[in-house]
Amino acid sequence: MSRINIYKSYTDYEYEGTGEPVLLGWFDPAKAEVFEQDKRWDGNNMVGVITGSEWIDEYLYRTKGGRWVRNHDAHRYCNGPDTYEFLTDEQAKDWLLRSECNDDAVERFFGVIEEERGPGRPKVGEQVCFTVPAEDLTAIDEIAAYITSSRSAVLRDAVAEYVRTCYTHVTGRPTPDTSGEPS
């Protein structure tokens, strides 16, 4: 296969006045490493885990020069388009993770994959790290156990109370409402 040209998408160049595709670059797929998406049975067909289709495929290329290129190949679906676009490292990592079969490539190019990822607990505020003496930490843990709360919640409440008291003393004004609720 010869070199493949990569153009701006139609929506990117349609308003540039020329109406002509803008060439962004090219690569030789014979000299690139290619990654496929895994397939999964959806109850009727084997479908791509990224495209969700039995007719549309996606591939990710790592070019000889180290660029990432996504190939969205819909030619088997009503003779659809076969498009190529450059991806950022972040987009490529996301694609490799979603492909469900390229964990070795993720680790090779981006480092170790965390054991688990998900929405997690809701963010309560900005993270601040500080050291607490052992005897205070013991007391904090005892308070948390007594009120059936977490260590973090006890520390947040203690900081909030201290800030409210000091703010009023230092500024002479009441503490601003930071709850996000209307007064």
N, C-alpha and C. Protein backbone atom coordinates (compact mmCIF):
# COMPACT_ATOMS: atom_id res chain seq x y z
N MET A 1 0.85 -1.17 0.00
CA MET A 1 0.00 0.00 0.00
C MET A 1 0.90 1.24 0.00
N SER A 2 0.52 2.22 -0.72
CA SER A 2 1.32 3.43 -0.79
C SER A 2 0.94 4.39 0.33
N ARG A 3 1.55 5.52 0.33
CA ARG A 3 1.33 6.52 1.36
C ARG A 3 -0.14 6.96 1.38
N ILE A 4 -0.61 7.31 2.59
CA ILE A 4 -1.98 7.78 2.76
C ILE A 4 -1.93 9.24 3.18
N ASN A 5 -2.64 10.09 2.45
CA ASN A 5 -2.73 11.51 2.79
C ASN A 5 -3.81 11.71 3.85
N ILE A 6 -3.56 12.66 4.74
CA ILE A 6 -4.53 12.99 5.78
C ILE A 6 -4.92 14.45 5.61
N TYR A 7 -6.22 14.68 5.51
CA TYR A 7 -6.76 16.02 5.27
C TYR A 7 -7.54 16.51 6.47
N LYS A 8 -7.73 17.81 6.55
CA LYS A 8 -8.66 18.35 7.54
C LYS A 8 -10.03 17.78 7.22
N SER A 9 -10.85 17.64 8.25
CA SER A 9 -12.19 17.12 8.01
C SER A 9 -13.00 18.14 7.21
N TYR A 10 -14.04 17.69 6.56
CA TYR A 10 -14.86 18.56 5.72
C TYR A 10 -15.36 19.77 6.50
N THR A 11 -15.82 19.54 7.72
CA THR A 11 -16.35 20.66 8.49
C THR A 11 -15.27 21.68 8.82
N ASP A 12 -14.01 21.25 8.90
CA ASP A 12 -12.92 22.18 9.18
C ASP A 12 -12.60 23.09 8.00
N TYR A 13 -12.71 22.57 6.78
CA TYR A 13 -12.27 23.39 5.65
C TYR A 13 -13.41 23.99 4.84
N GLU A 14 -14.66 23.61 5.12
CA GLU A 14 -15.75 24.11 4.29
C GLU A 14 -15.92 25.63 4.40
N TYR A 15 -15.48 26.23 5.49
CA TYR A 15 -15.64 27.67 5.66
C TYR A 15 -14.36 28.45 5.38
N GLU A 16 -13.31 27.79 4.89
CA GLU A 16 -12.07 28.48 4.59
C GLU A 16 -12.10 29.19 3.25
N GLY A 17 -13.19 29.07 2.54
CA GLY A 17 -13.35 29.80 1.29
C GLY A 17 -12.89 29.05 0.06
N THR A 18 -12.01 28.08 0.22
CA THR A 18 -11.51 27.39 -0.96
C THR A 18 -12.42 26.24 -1.37
N GLY A 19 -13.05 25.61 -0.39
CA GLY A 19 -13.86 24.44 -0.69
C GLY A 19 -13.03 23.22 -1.02
N GLU A 20 -11.71 23.37 -0.96
CA GLU A 20 -10.79 22.26 -1.25
C GLU A 20 -10.26 21.67 0.06
N PRO A 21 -10.02 20.38 0.07
CA PRO A 21 -9.45 19.78 1.29
C PRO A 21 -8.04 20.32 1.54
N VAL A 22 -7.71 20.47 2.81
CA VAL A 22 -6.40 20.97 3.22
C VAL A 22 -5.57 19.77 3.67
N LEU A 23 -4.44 19.55 3.03
CA LEU A 23 -3.55 18.44 3.35
C LEU A 23 -2.80 18.73 4.64
N LEU A 24 -2.97 17.85 5.64
CA LEU A 24 -2.29 18.01 6.92
C LEU A 24 -0.98 17.23 6.97
N GLY A 25 -0.91 16.13 6.24
CA GLY A 25 0.28 15.29 6.25
C GLY A 25 -0.02 13.95 5.63
N TRP A 26 0.90 13.03 5.79
CA TRP A 26 0.73 11.69 5.25
C TRP A 26 1.58 10.72 6.03
N PHE A 27 1.34 9.42 5.79
CA PHE A 27 2.15 8.37 6.40
C PHE A 27 2.07 7.13 5.53
N ASP A 28 2.99 6.22 5.75
CA ASP A 28 3.03 4.95 5.01
C ASP A 28 2.57 3.85 5.96
N PRO A 29 1.38 3.28 5.76
CA PRO A 29 0.88 2.27 6.68
C PRO A 29 1.74 1.01 6.71
N ALA A 30 2.49 0.74 5.63
CA ALA A 30 3.36 -0.43 5.61
C ALA A 30 4.51 -0.28 6.61
N LYS A 31 4.83 0.96 6.98
CA LYS A 31 5.93 1.22 7.92
C LYS A 31 5.40 1.60 9.30
N ALA A 32 4.11 1.45 9.51
CA ALA A 32 3.48 1.84 10.79
C ALA A 32 3.02 0.59 11.53
N GLU A 33 2.88 0.72 12.83
CA GLU A 33 2.32 -0.35 13.65
C GLU A 33 0.82 -0.12 13.72
N VAL A 34 0.03 -1.18 13.52
CA VAL A 34 -1.43 -1.02 13.50
C VAL A 34 -2.04 -1.76 14.68
N PHE A 35 -3.08 -1.14 15.26
CA PHE A 35 -3.81 -1.71 16.38
C PHE A 35 -5.28 -1.81 15.99
N GLU A 36 -5.89 -2.96 16.32
CA GLU A 36 -7.29 -3.19 16.00
C GLU A 36 -8.14 -3.08 17.25
N GLN A 37 -9.44 -2.85 17.05
CA GLN A 37 -10.39 -2.89 18.16
C GLN A 37 -10.81 -4.33 18.38
N ASP A 38 -11.17 -4.67 19.59
CA ASP A 38 -11.69 -6.00 19.89
C ASP A 38 -13.12 -6.08 19.39
N LYS A 39 -13.63 -7.29 19.30
CA LYS A 39 -15.02 -7.50 18.89
C LYS A 39 -15.76 -8.17 20.02
N ARG A 40 -17.07 -7.91 20.07
CA ARG A 40 -17.91 -8.46 21.13
C ARG A 40 -19.24 -8.89 20.52
N TRP A 41 -19.78 -9.97 21.04
CA TRP A 41 -21.09 -10.46 20.60
C TRP A 41 -22.17 -9.58 21.22
N ASP A 42 -23.02 -8.98 20.39
CA ASP A 42 -24.08 -8.09 20.90
C ASP A 42 -25.44 -8.77 20.98
N GLY A 43 -25.45 -10.08 20.79
CA GLY A 43 -26.71 -10.82 20.81
C GLY A 43 -27.14 -11.21 19.41
N ASN A 44 -26.63 -10.48 18.41
CA ASN A 44 -26.94 -10.79 17.02
C ASN A 44 -25.69 -10.95 16.16
N ASN A 45 -24.69 -10.12 16.43
CA ASN A 45 -23.49 -10.08 15.59
C ASN A 45 -22.25 -9.80 16.43
N MET A 46 -21.10 -10.07 15.83
CA MET A 46 -19.84 -9.65 16.42
C MET A 46 -19.62 -8.20 15.99
N VAL A 47 -19.55 -7.30 16.96
CA VAL A 47 -19.42 -5.88 16.65
C VAL A 47 -18.13 -5.33 17.27
N GLY A 48 -17.61 -4.29 16.66
CA GLY A 48 -16.42 -3.64 17.20
C GLY A 48 -16.76 -2.93 18.51
N VAL A 49 -15.87 -3.04 19.50
CA VAL A 49 -16.17 -2.43 20.80
C VAL A 49 -16.10 -0.89 20.72
N ILE A 50 -15.41 -0.35 19.75
CA ILE A 50 -15.36 1.10 19.60
C ILE A 50 -16.48 1.60 18.70
N THR A 51 -16.67 0.96 17.56
CA THR A 51 -17.67 1.43 16.61
C THR A 51 -19.07 0.93 16.94
N GLY A 52 -19.19 -0.20 17.64
CA GLY A 52 -20.49 -0.77 17.93
C GLY A 52 -21.17 -1.32 16.69
N SER A 53 -20.39 -1.58 15.63
CA SER A 53 -20.95 -2.01 14.36
C SER A 53 -20.23 -3.24 13.84
N GLU A 54 -20.98 -4.08 13.14
CA GLU A 54 -20.34 -5.21 12.46
C GLU A 54 -19.79 -4.78 11.10
N TRP A 55 -20.20 -3.62 10.62
CA TRP A 55 -19.82 -3.16 9.29
C TRP A 55 -18.76 -2.07 9.28
N ILE A 56 -18.62 -1.37 10.39
CA ILE A 56 -17.67 -0.26 10.45
C ILE A 56 -16.51 -0.64 11.36
N ASP A 57 -15.30 -0.46 10.86
CA ASP A 57 -14.10 -0.80 11.61
C ASP A 57 -13.31 0.46 11.96
N GLU A 58 -12.51 0.37 13.00
CA GLU A 58 -11.55 1.42 13.30
C GLU A 58 -10.22 0.78 13.61
N TYR A 59 -9.17 1.45 13.18
CA TYR A 59 -7.81 1.02 13.43
C TYR A 59 -7.02 2.22 13.91
N LEU A 60 -6.00 1.96 14.70
CA LEU A 60 -5.11 3.02 15.14
C LEU A 60 -3.71 2.67 14.66
N TYR A 61 -3.07 3.64 14.04
CA TYR A 61 -1.70 3.46 13.55
C TYR A 61 -0.75 4.29 14.39
N ARG A 62 0.41 3.73 14.65
CA ARG A 62 1.54 4.48 15.21
C ARG A 62 2.55 4.56 14.08
N THR A 63 2.73 5.77 13.54
CA THR A 63 3.57 5.92 12.35
C THR A 63 5.05 5.77 12.71
N LYS A 64 5.85 5.61 11.69
CA LYS A 64 7.29 5.49 11.87
C LYS A 64 7.85 6.72 12.58
N GLY A 65 7.25 7.88 12.33
CA GLY A 65 7.67 9.12 12.96
C GLY A 65 7.07 9.37 14.34
N GLY A 66 6.27 8.43 14.85
CA GLY A 66 5.72 8.54 16.19
C GLY A 66 4.39 9.26 16.30
N ARG A 67 3.73 9.50 15.18
CA ARG A 67 2.40 10.14 15.21
C ARG A 67 1.33 9.06 15.32
N TRP A 68 0.18 9.46 15.83
CA TRP A 68 -0.98 8.56 15.94
C TRP A 68 -1.98 8.93 14.86
N VAL A 69 -2.50 7.91 14.16
CA VAL A 69 -3.49 8.11 13.11
C VAL A 69 -4.64 7.14 13.32
N ARG A 70 -5.87 7.67 13.35
CA ARG A 70 -7.06 6.82 13.45
C ARG A 70 -7.65 6.64 12.06
N ASN A 71 -7.95 5.39 11.72
CA ASN A 71 -8.61 5.06 10.46
C ASN A 71 -10.03 4.60 10.79
N HIS A 72 -11.01 5.35 10.32
CA HIS A 72 -12.42 5.00 10.47
C HIS A 72 -12.86 4.47 9.11
N ASP A 73 -13.06 3.17 9.04
CA ASP A 73 -13.31 2.50 7.76
C ASP A 73 -14.75 2.00 7.69
N ALA A 74 -15.56 2.73 6.92
CA ALA A 74 -16.98 2.37 6.78
C ALA A 74 -17.29 1.90 5.37
N HIS A 75 -16.29 1.48 4.61
CA HIS A 75 -16.56 1.11 3.22
C HIS A 75 -17.48 -0.11 3.10
N ARG A 76 -17.51 -0.99 4.11
CA ARG A 76 -18.41 -2.15 4.06
C ARG A 76 -19.84 -1.77 4.39
N TYR A 77 -20.07 -0.57 4.93
CA TYR A 77 -21.41 -0.12 5.28
C TYR A 77 -21.91 0.83 4.21
N CYS A 78 -22.67 0.32 3.28
CA CYS A 78 -23.23 1.12 2.18
C CYS A 78 -22.16 1.92 1.47
N ASN A 79 -20.99 1.31 1.31
CA ASN A 79 -19.87 1.96 0.62
C ASN A 79 -19.54 3.31 1.26
N GLY A 80 -19.50 3.32 2.61
CA GLY A 80 -19.23 4.55 3.36
C GLY A 80 -17.78 5.00 3.25
N PRO A 81 -17.47 6.10 3.87
CA PRO A 81 -16.12 6.68 3.74
C PRO A 81 -15.06 5.90 4.53
N ASP A 82 -13.85 6.01 4.08
CA ASP A 82 -12.68 5.44 4.71
C ASP A 82 -11.79 6.63 5.04
N THR A 83 -11.85 7.12 6.31
CA THR A 83 -11.18 8.37 6.66
C THR A 83 -10.01 8.14 7.61
N TYR A 84 -9.09 9.08 7.59
CA TYR A 84 -7.91 9.06 8.45
C TYR A 84 -7.78 10.41 9.13
N GLU A 85 -7.36 10.40 10.40
CA GLU A 85 -7.12 11.66 11.09
C GLU A 85 -6.01 11.47 12.11
N PHE A 86 -5.22 12.54 12.32
CA PHE A 86 -4.20 12.53 13.35
C PHE A 86 -4.85 12.64 14.71
N LEU A 87 -4.28 11.94 15.71
CA LEU A 87 -4.76 12.02 17.08
C LEU A 87 -3.64 12.51 17.99
N THR A 88 -4.02 13.10 19.10
CA THR A 88 -3.05 13.47 20.12
C THR A 88 -2.69 12.21 20.91
N ASP A 89 -1.64 12.30 21.73
CA ASP A 89 -1.28 11.17 22.58
C ASP A 89 -2.44 10.80 23.51
N GLU A 90 -3.10 11.80 24.07
CA GLU A 90 -4.23 11.55 24.97
C GLU A 90 -5.37 10.82 24.25
N GLN A 91 -5.69 11.25 23.04
CA GLN A 91 -6.74 10.59 22.26
C GLN A 91 -6.34 9.16 21.90
N ALA A 92 -5.07 8.96 21.57
CA ALA A 92 -4.60 7.62 21.21
C ALA A 92 -4.66 6.69 22.42
N LYS A 93 -4.26 7.18 23.58
CA LYS A 93 -4.33 6.36 24.79
C LYS A 93 -5.77 5.97 25.07
N ASP A 94 -6.68 6.92 24.95
CA ASP A 94 -8.10 6.64 25.17
C ASP A 94 -8.59 5.58 24.19
N TRP A 95 -8.21 5.70 22.92
CA TRP A 95 -8.63 4.73 21.91
C TRP A 95 -8.09 3.34 22.26
N LEU A 96 -6.82 3.26 22.61
CA LEU A 96 -6.22 1.96 22.95
C LEU A 96 -6.90 1.33 24.16
N LEU A 97 -7.22 2.14 25.15
CA LEU A 97 -7.91 1.60 26.33
C LEU A 97 -9.32 1.12 25.97
N ARG A 98 -10.04 1.89 25.16
CA ARG A 98 -11.40 1.50 24.77
C ARG A 98 -11.41 0.30 23.84
N SER A 99 -10.31 0.04 23.14
CA SER A 99 -10.26 -1.09 22.19
C SER A 99 -10.32 -2.44 22.90
N GLU A 100 -10.02 -2.46 24.19
CA GLU A 100 -10.10 -3.64 25.05
C GLU A 100 -9.13 -4.76 24.69
N CYS A 101 -8.18 -4.52 23.82
CA CYS A 101 -7.25 -5.61 23.47
C CYS A 101 -5.83 -5.11 23.25
N ASN A 102 -5.53 -3.90 23.68
CA ASN A 102 -4.21 -3.32 23.42
C ASN A 102 -3.54 -2.79 24.69
N ASP A 103 -3.75 -3.48 25.82
CA ASP A 103 -3.16 -3.02 27.07
C ASP A 103 -1.64 -3.00 27.01
N ASP A 104 -1.04 -3.96 26.29
CA ASP A 104 0.42 -3.97 26.18
C ASP A 104 0.93 -2.71 25.48
N ALA A 105 0.19 -2.23 24.48
CA ALA A 105 0.58 -1.01 23.77
C ALA A 105 0.41 0.21 24.68
N VAL A 106 -0.64 0.23 25.48
CA VAL A 106 -0.84 1.34 26.42
C VAL A 106 0.34 1.42 27.36
N GLU A 107 0.74 0.28 27.91
CA GLU A 107 1.86 0.26 28.85
C GLU A 107 3.18 0.62 28.16
N ARG A 108 3.36 0.19 26.93
CA ARG A 108 4.60 0.48 26.20
C ARG A 108 4.73 1.96 25.88
N PHE A 109 3.63 2.61 25.49
CA PHE A 109 3.70 4.01 25.07
C PHE A 109 3.35 5.01 26.18
N PHE A 110 2.54 4.58 27.17
CA PHE A 110 2.04 5.54 28.15
C PHE A 110 2.29 5.15 29.60
N GLY A 111 2.86 4.00 29.85
CA GLY A 111 3.13 3.59 31.23
C GLY A 111 2.07 2.63 31.75
N VAL A 112 2.25 2.25 33.00
CA VAL A 112 1.40 1.25 33.65
C VAL A 112 -0.05 1.74 33.71
N ILE A 113 -0.96 0.82 33.43
CA ILE A 113 -2.39 1.11 33.52
C ILE A 113 -2.81 0.92 34.97
N GLU A 114 -3.52 1.91 35.52
CA GLU A 114 -3.98 1.79 36.89
C GLU A 114 -4.90 0.59 37.02
N GLU A 115 -4.94 0.02 38.22
CA GLU A 115 -5.71 -1.20 38.48
C GLU A 115 -7.19 -1.02 38.18
N GLU A 116 -7.70 0.17 38.46
CA GLU A 116 -9.12 0.41 38.30
C GLU A 116 -9.32 1.89 38.00
N ARG A 117 -10.33 2.19 37.18
CA ARG A 117 -10.64 3.60 36.91
C ARG A 117 -12.14 3.72 36.76
N GLY A 118 -12.65 4.77 37.28
CA GLY A 118 -14.08 5.00 37.19
C GLY A 118 -14.42 6.34 37.78
N PRO A 119 -15.70 6.63 37.87
CA PRO A 119 -16.08 7.94 38.35
C PRO A 119 -15.66 8.21 39.78
N GLY A 120 -15.57 7.17 40.61
CA GLY A 120 -15.10 7.36 41.97
C GLY A 120 -16.03 8.20 42.82
N ARG A 121 -15.48 8.63 43.94
CA ARG A 121 -16.26 9.47 44.85
C ARG A 121 -16.34 10.87 44.27
N PRO A 122 -17.41 11.58 44.58
CA PRO A 122 -17.52 12.96 44.09
C PRO A 122 -16.47 13.85 44.75
N LYS A 123 -15.95 14.79 44.00
CA LYS A 123 -14.94 15.70 44.51
C LYS A 123 -15.60 16.67 45.48
N VAL A 124 -14.99 16.83 46.65
CA VAL A 124 -15.53 17.70 47.68
C VAL A 124 -14.87 19.06 47.63
N GLY A 125 -13.64 19.13 47.22
CA GLY A 125 -12.89 20.38 47.16
C GLY A 125 -11.52 20.12 46.57
N GLU A 126 -10.64 21.11 46.67
CA GLU A 126 -9.28 20.94 46.18
C GLU A 126 -8.48 20.12 47.18
N GLN A 127 -7.64 19.22 46.67
CA GLN A 127 -6.82 18.39 47.54
C GLN A 127 -5.67 19.21 48.11
N VAL A 128 -5.48 19.10 49.42
CA VAL A 128 -4.37 19.75 50.10
C VAL A 128 -3.69 18.68 50.95
N CYS A 129 -2.39 18.56 50.82
CA CYS A 129 -1.65 17.55 51.58
C CYS A 129 -0.85 18.23 52.69
N PHE A 130 -0.92 17.68 53.88
CA PHE A 130 -0.13 18.20 55.00
C PHE A 130 0.09 17.07 55.99
N THR A 131 1.04 17.26 56.86
CA THR A 131 1.41 16.25 57.85
C THR A 131 0.70 16.55 59.16
N VAL A 132 0.17 15.50 59.78
CA VAL A 132 -0.51 15.62 61.06
C VAL A 132 0.27 14.78 62.07
N PRO A 133 0.59 15.35 63.23
CA PRO A 133 1.30 14.56 64.24
C PRO A 133 0.50 13.30 64.61
N ALA A 134 1.23 12.24 64.95
CA ALA A 134 0.61 10.94 65.21
C ALA A 134 -0.47 11.02 66.29
N GLU A 135 -0.22 11.76 67.39
CA GLU A 135 -1.21 11.82 68.47
C GLU A 135 -2.48 12.54 68.01
N ASP A 136 -2.32 13.57 67.14
CA ASP A 136 -3.51 14.25 66.62
C ASP A 136 -4.28 13.34 65.66
N LEU A 137 -3.55 12.59 64.87
CA LEU A 137 -4.19 11.67 63.92
C LEU A 137 -4.98 10.60 64.67
N THR A 138 -4.42 10.12 65.77
CA THR A 138 -5.14 9.15 66.60
C THR A 138 -6.44 9.75 67.11
N ALA A 139 -6.37 10.99 67.59
CA ALA A 139 -7.57 11.67 68.10
C ALA A 139 -8.59 11.88 66.98
N ILE A 140 -8.12 12.26 65.80
CA ILE A 140 -9.02 12.46 64.65
C ILE A 140 -9.72 11.16 64.30
N ASP A 141 -8.98 10.07 64.28
CA ASP A 141 -9.57 8.77 63.97
C ASP A 141 -10.60 8.35 65.02
N GLU A 142 -10.33 8.66 66.31
CA GLU A 142 -11.28 8.33 67.36
C GLU A 142 -12.56 9.16 67.21
N ILE A 143 -12.40 10.43 66.88
CA ILE A 143 -13.58 11.29 66.64
C ILE A 143 -14.39 10.75 65.47
N ALA A 144 -13.70 10.40 64.38
CA ALA A 144 -14.39 9.88 63.18
C ALA A 144 -15.17 8.61 63.52
N ALA A 145 -14.55 7.72 64.31
CA ALA A 145 -15.23 6.48 64.68
C ALA A 145 -16.44 6.77 65.56
N TYR A 146 -16.29 7.72 66.50
CA TYR A 146 -17.38 8.06 67.42
C TYR A 146 -18.58 8.64 66.69
N ILE A 147 -18.33 9.50 65.70
CA ILE A 147 -19.45 10.12 64.97
C ILE A 147 -19.78 9.37 63.68
N THR A 148 -19.18 8.20 63.51
CA THR A 148 -19.35 7.36 62.30
C THR A 148 -19.16 8.19 61.03
N SER A 149 -18.00 8.76 60.93
CA SER A 149 -17.64 9.57 59.77
C SER A 149 -16.25 9.14 59.30
N SER A 150 -15.76 9.80 58.28
CA SER A 150 -14.41 9.48 57.79
C SER A 150 -13.40 10.47 58.34
N ARG A 151 -12.15 10.08 58.31
CA ARG A 151 -11.06 10.96 58.72
C ARG A 151 -11.09 12.25 57.90
N SER A 152 -11.30 12.11 56.59
CA SER A 152 -11.34 13.28 55.71
C SER A 152 -12.46 14.23 56.10
N ALA A 153 -13.62 13.69 56.41
CA ALA A 153 -14.77 14.54 56.78
C ALA A 153 -14.48 15.30 58.08
N VAL A 154 -13.86 14.62 59.04
CA VAL A 154 -13.52 15.28 60.31
C VAL A 154 -12.52 16.41 60.04
N LEU A 155 -11.51 16.15 59.23
CA LEU A 155 -10.52 17.19 58.92
C LEU A 155 -11.15 18.35 58.16
N ARG A 156 -12.03 18.07 57.20
CA ARG A 156 -12.71 19.15 56.47
C ARG A 156 -13.54 20.02 57.41
N ASP A 157 -14.30 19.36 58.31
CA ASP A 157 -15.13 20.11 59.27
C ASP A 157 -14.26 20.95 60.20
N ALA A 158 -13.14 20.39 60.66
CA ALA A 158 -12.25 21.13 61.57
C ALA A 158 -11.64 22.34 60.87
N VAL A 159 -11.20 22.16 59.63
CA VAL A 159 -10.63 23.27 58.87
C VAL A 159 -11.70 24.33 58.62
N ALA A 160 -12.89 23.91 58.23
CA ALA A 160 -13.97 24.87 57.95
C ALA A 160 -14.30 25.69 59.18
N GLU A 161 -14.39 25.05 60.35
CA GLU A 161 -14.70 25.78 61.59
C GLU A 161 -13.58 26.75 61.94
N TYR A 162 -12.35 26.33 61.80
CA TYR A 162 -11.21 27.20 62.10
C TYR A 162 -11.18 28.39 61.14
N VAL A 163 -11.43 28.15 59.85
CA VAL A 163 -11.41 29.24 58.86
C VAL A 163 -12.54 30.23 59.16
N ARG A 164 -13.73 29.74 59.49
CA ARG A 164 -14.84 30.64 59.82
C ARG A 164 -14.49 31.54 61.00
N THR A 165 -13.93 30.96 62.03
CA THR A 165 -13.56 31.73 63.22
C THR A 165 -12.47 32.74 62.92
N CYS A 166 -11.41 32.30 62.27
CA CYS A 166 -10.28 33.20 61.97
C CYS A 166 -10.65 34.27 60.97
N TYR A 167 -11.45 33.94 59.97
CA TYR A 167 -11.81 34.91 58.94
C TYR A 167 -12.54 36.09 59.56
N THR A 168 -13.50 35.80 60.41
CA THR A 168 -14.26 36.86 61.06
C THR A 168 -13.35 37.70 61.97
N HIS A 169 -12.49 37.04 62.72
CA HIS A 169 -11.57 37.74 63.62
C HIS A 169 -10.59 38.62 62.84
N VAL A 170 -10.04 38.11 61.75
CA VAL A 170 -9.03 38.84 60.98
C VAL A 170 -9.64 39.96 60.15
N THR A 171 -10.78 39.71 59.51
CA THR A 171 -11.35 40.69 58.59
C THR A 171 -12.43 41.56 59.22
N GLY A 172 -13.02 41.10 60.32
CA GLY A 172 -14.12 41.83 60.93
C GLY A 172 -15.43 41.62 60.18
N ARG A 173 -15.42 40.75 59.19
CA ARG A 173 -16.63 40.47 58.40
C ARG A 173 -17.03 39.01 58.59
N PRO A 174 -18.31 38.72 58.38
CA PRO A 174 -18.72 37.31 58.44
C PRO A 174 -18.10 36.53 57.28
N THR A 175 -17.92 35.26 57.48
CA THR A 175 -17.36 34.40 56.44
C THR A 175 -18.28 34.38 55.23
N PRO A 176 -17.71 34.55 54.01
CA PRO A 176 -18.56 34.47 52.81
C PRO A 176 -19.19 33.08 52.71
N ASP A 177 -20.41 33.05 52.19
CA ASP A 177 -21.10 31.78 51.98
C ASP A 177 -20.50 31.10 50.77
N THR A 178 -19.88 29.94 50.99
CA THR A 178 -19.26 29.19 49.88
C THR A 178 -20.00 27.90 49.59
N SER A 179 -21.21 27.79 50.10
CA SER A 179 -21.96 26.55 49.92
C SER A 179 -22.51 26.42 48.51
N GLY A 180 -22.59 27.53 47.78
CA GLY A 180 -23.16 27.48 46.44
C GLY A 180 -24.67 27.62 46.43
N GLU A 181 -25.28 27.68 47.63
CA GLU A 181 -26.72 27.82 47.72
C GLU A 181 -27.07 29.30 47.86
N PRO A 182 -28.21 29.74 47.31
CA PRO A 182 -28.60 31.14 47.46
C PRO A 182 -28.86 31.49 48.91
N SER A 183 -28.51 32.70 49.29
CA SER A 183 -28.69 33.15 50.69
C SER A 183 -30.14 33.43 50.99
